[in-house]
Protein backbone atom coordinates (compact mmCIF):
# COMPACT_ATOMS: atom_id res chain seq x y z
CA UNK A 1 28.04 -50.46 -17.15
CA UNK A 2 30.65 -49.97 -14.45
CA UNK A 3 32.82 -52.60 -12.83
CA UNK A 4 32.46 -52.16 -9.08
CA UNK A 5 35.03 -53.00 -6.43
CA UNK A 6 34.44 -55.77 -3.91
CA UNK A 7 36.03 -56.70 -0.58
CA UNK A 8 38.65 -58.95 -2.22
CA UNK A 9 39.70 -56.10 -4.56
CA UNK A 10 40.20 -53.82 -1.59
CA UNK A 11 42.05 -56.43 0.47
CA UNK A 12 44.27 -57.91 -2.26
CA UNK A 13 44.98 -54.81 -4.35
CA UNK A 14 44.08 -51.46 -2.80
CA UNK A 15 44.89 -52.23 0.84
CA UNK A 16 48.14 -54.04 0.02
CA UNK A 17 49.28 -51.26 -2.31
CA UNK A 18 48.48 -48.53 0.21
CA UNK A 19 50.21 -50.44 3.01
CA UNK A 20 53.32 -51.12 0.90
CA UNK A 21 53.66 -47.69 -0.72
CA UNK A 22 52.01 -45.29 1.71
CA UNK A 23 52.52 -46.94 5.10
CA UNK A 24 56.15 -46.02 5.70
CA UNK A 25 55.70 -43.15 8.15
CA UNK A 26 52.32 -44.04 9.57
CA UNK A 27 51.66 -47.80 9.51
CA UNK A 28 48.39 -49.24 8.29
CA UNK A 29 47.04 -51.94 10.67
CA UNK A 30 46.14 -55.45 9.43
CA UNK A 31 43.16 -55.65 7.07
CA UNK A 32 41.13 -57.78 9.48
CA UNK A 33 41.37 -55.08 12.16
CA UNK A 34 38.85 -53.02 10.20
CA UNK A 35 35.45 -52.10 11.57
CA UNK A 36 32.81 -54.70 10.57
CA UNK A 37 30.39 -53.75 7.79
CA UNK A 38 31.70 -50.21 7.20
CA UNK A 39 33.78 -51.15 4.15
CA UNK A 40 30.95 -53.30 2.80
CA UNK A 41 28.60 -50.33 3.16
CA UNK A 42 30.99 -47.95 1.38
CA UNK A 43 31.36 -50.37 -1.53
CA UNK A 44 27.63 -51.13 -1.75
CA UNK A 45 26.63 -47.46 -1.91
CA UNK A 46 28.38 -46.99 -5.28
CA UNK A 47 26.26 -49.68 -6.93
CA UNK A 48 22.98 -48.97 -5.11
CA UNK A 49 19.88 -49.31 -7.26
CA UNK A 50 16.43 -47.83 -6.86
CA UNK A 51 13.78 -49.58 -8.92
CA UNK A 52 16.46 -51.36 -10.92
CA UNK A 53 18.21 -48.10 -11.84
CA UNK A 54 21.62 -47.13 -10.49
CA UNK A 55 21.35 -44.29 -7.98
CA UNK A 56 24.71 -42.93 -9.19
CA UNK A 57 24.52 -43.20 -12.94
CA UNK A 58 27.85 -41.84 -14.16
CA UNK A 59 31.24 -43.41 -13.54
CA UNK A 60 32.50 -40.13 -12.10
CA UNK A 61 29.57 -39.94 -9.65
CA UNK A 62 30.30 -43.51 -8.57
CA UNK A 63 34.00 -42.67 -8.14
CA UNK A 64 33.25 -39.53 -6.11
CA UNK A 65 30.83 -41.40 -3.84
CA UNK A 66 33.30 -44.29 -3.39
CA UNK A 67 36.09 -41.90 -2.39
CA UNK A 68 33.81 -39.91 -0.06
CA UNK A 69 32.29 -42.93 1.68
CA UNK A 70 35.59 -44.77 2.13
CA UNK A 71 36.89 -41.74 3.98
CA UNK A 72 33.77 -40.69 5.92
CA UNK A 73 32.68 -44.17 7.01
CA UNK A 74 36.20 -44.75 8.31
CA UNK A 75 36.22 -48.55 7.81
CA UNK A 76 39.85 -48.97 8.90
CA UNK A 77 41.58 -48.22 12.19
CA UNK A 78 44.11 -46.11 10.26
CA UNK A 79 44.96 -45.39 6.62
CA UNK A 80 41.44 -44.60 5.39
CA UNK A 81 42.46 -41.67 3.16
CA UNK A 82 45.36 -43.63 1.68
CA UNK A 83 43.26 -46.72 1.00
CA UNK A 84 40.47 -44.52 -0.43
CA UNK A 85 43.01 -42.86 -2.74
CA UNK A 86 44.25 -46.20 -4.10
CA UNK A 87 40.67 -47.51 -4.37
CA UNK A 88 39.62 -44.45 -6.37
CA UNK A 89 42.51 -44.81 -8.81
CA UNK A 90 41.94 -48.57 -9.18
CA UNK A 91 38.16 -48.18 -9.62
CA UNK A 92 38.67 -45.65 -12.40
CA UNK A 93 41.42 -47.72 -14.05
CA UNK A 94 39.23 -50.84 -13.95
CA UNK A 95 36.61 -48.81 -15.81
CA UNK A 96 39.00 -47.47 -18.45
CA UNK A 97 39.79 -44.07 -16.95
CA UNK A 98 43.17 -42.69 -15.94
CA UNK A 99 43.14 -40.17 -13.07
CA UNK A 100 45.84 -37.60 -13.79
CA UNK A 101 45.90 -35.70 -10.52
CA UNK A 102 48.74 -34.45 -8.37
CA UNK A 103 49.08 -36.51 -5.18
CA UNK A 104 49.32 -33.38 -3.02
CA UNK A 105 46.07 -31.98 -4.44
CA UNK A 106 44.35 -35.33 -4.02
CA UNK A 107 45.60 -35.50 -0.43
CA UNK A 108 44.11 -32.04 0.21
CA UNK A 109 40.79 -33.22 -1.25
CA UNK A 110 40.86 -36.28 1.02
CA UNK A 111 41.54 -34.05 4.06
CA UNK A 112 38.65 -31.82 3.04
CA UNK A 113 36.38 -34.87 2.94
CA UNK A 114 37.64 -36.14 6.30
CA UNK A 115 37.20 -32.74 7.95
CA UNK A 116 33.81 -31.99 6.39
CA UNK A 117 30.48 -31.95 8.18
CA UNK A 118 28.36 -34.95 7.07
CA UNK A 119 25.55 -32.45 6.40
CA UNK A 120 27.72 -31.10 3.54
CA UNK A 121 27.85 -34.49 1.80
CA UNK A 122 26.04 -33.32 -1.35
CA UNK A 123 28.38 -30.34 -1.83
CA UNK A 124 31.54 -32.35 -1.08
CA UNK A 125 30.55 -35.16 -3.47
CA UNK A 126 29.79 -32.52 -6.15
CA UNK A 127 33.25 -30.99 -5.59
CA UNK A 128 34.86 -34.45 -5.91
CA UNK A 129 32.80 -35.24 -9.00
CA UNK A 130 34.00 -32.06 -10.71
CA UNK A 131 37.61 -32.68 -9.66
CA UNK A 132 37.61 -36.28 -10.87
CA UNK A 133 35.89 -35.44 -14.17
CA UNK A 134 38.31 -32.56 -14.86
CA UNK A 135 41.37 -34.69 -14.12
CA UNK A 136 40.45 -37.93 -15.87
CA UNK A 137 41.27 -39.33 -19.28
CA UNK A 138 39.32 -42.28 -20.70
CA UNK A 139 41.33 -45.01 -22.40
CA UNK A 140 40.70 -48.38 -24.02
CA UNK A 141 41.77 -50.83 -21.32
CA UNK A 142 41.84 -53.87 -23.61
CA UNK A 143 43.93 -52.02 -26.19
CA UNK A 144 46.28 -50.68 -23.51
CA UNK A 145 46.81 -54.15 -22.01
CA UNK A 146 47.30 -55.65 -25.48
CA UNK A 147 49.95 -53.01 -26.31
CA UNK A 148 51.64 -53.62 -22.95
CA UNK A 149 51.72 -57.36 -23.63
CA UNK A 150 53.17 -56.82 -27.11
CA UNK A 151 55.86 -54.50 -25.75
CA UNK A 152 56.91 -57.17 -23.26
CA UNK A 153 57.06 -59.80 -26.00
CA UNK A 154 59.09 -57.47 -28.27
CA UNK A 155 61.54 -56.63 -25.49
CA UNK A 156 62.05 -60.33 -24.73
CA UNK A 157 62.72 -61.07 -28.42
CA UNK A 158 65.30 -58.27 -28.53
CA UNK A 159 67.02 -59.66 -25.45
CA UNK A 160 67.50 -63.07 -27.10
């Protein structure tokens, strides 16, 4: 079962990160200036069910659709590709997957999505699915966080 992103995740984590780290040269407007219901729609599509069964069954399908819809639905006045990028990385991380992709290549993928004809959705999502699957590494999130915590504790003990 996947952990899906919600509005608060986007506002408090993804949006803030994108604004802080990727908004230097082209500012990202305030979160509340977004277009009503477009972000909600993009997030809901990833967890859509038909007859109680997820429409997008694999994590990588869900990630590809999330990335695609956050760009194509254009929920923000500006910064959609940047916020979609951070949302993709966070969604995968939340589900125990590390995306090991070059930022330049990922930017080119986001431009391809933005410039694509909506009639090519199936092909573009398939391209994203393949890219994400080929550049992802699963990890044990609980174990990783536990090791991180222990490293912090050890470093504090050494400092004393």
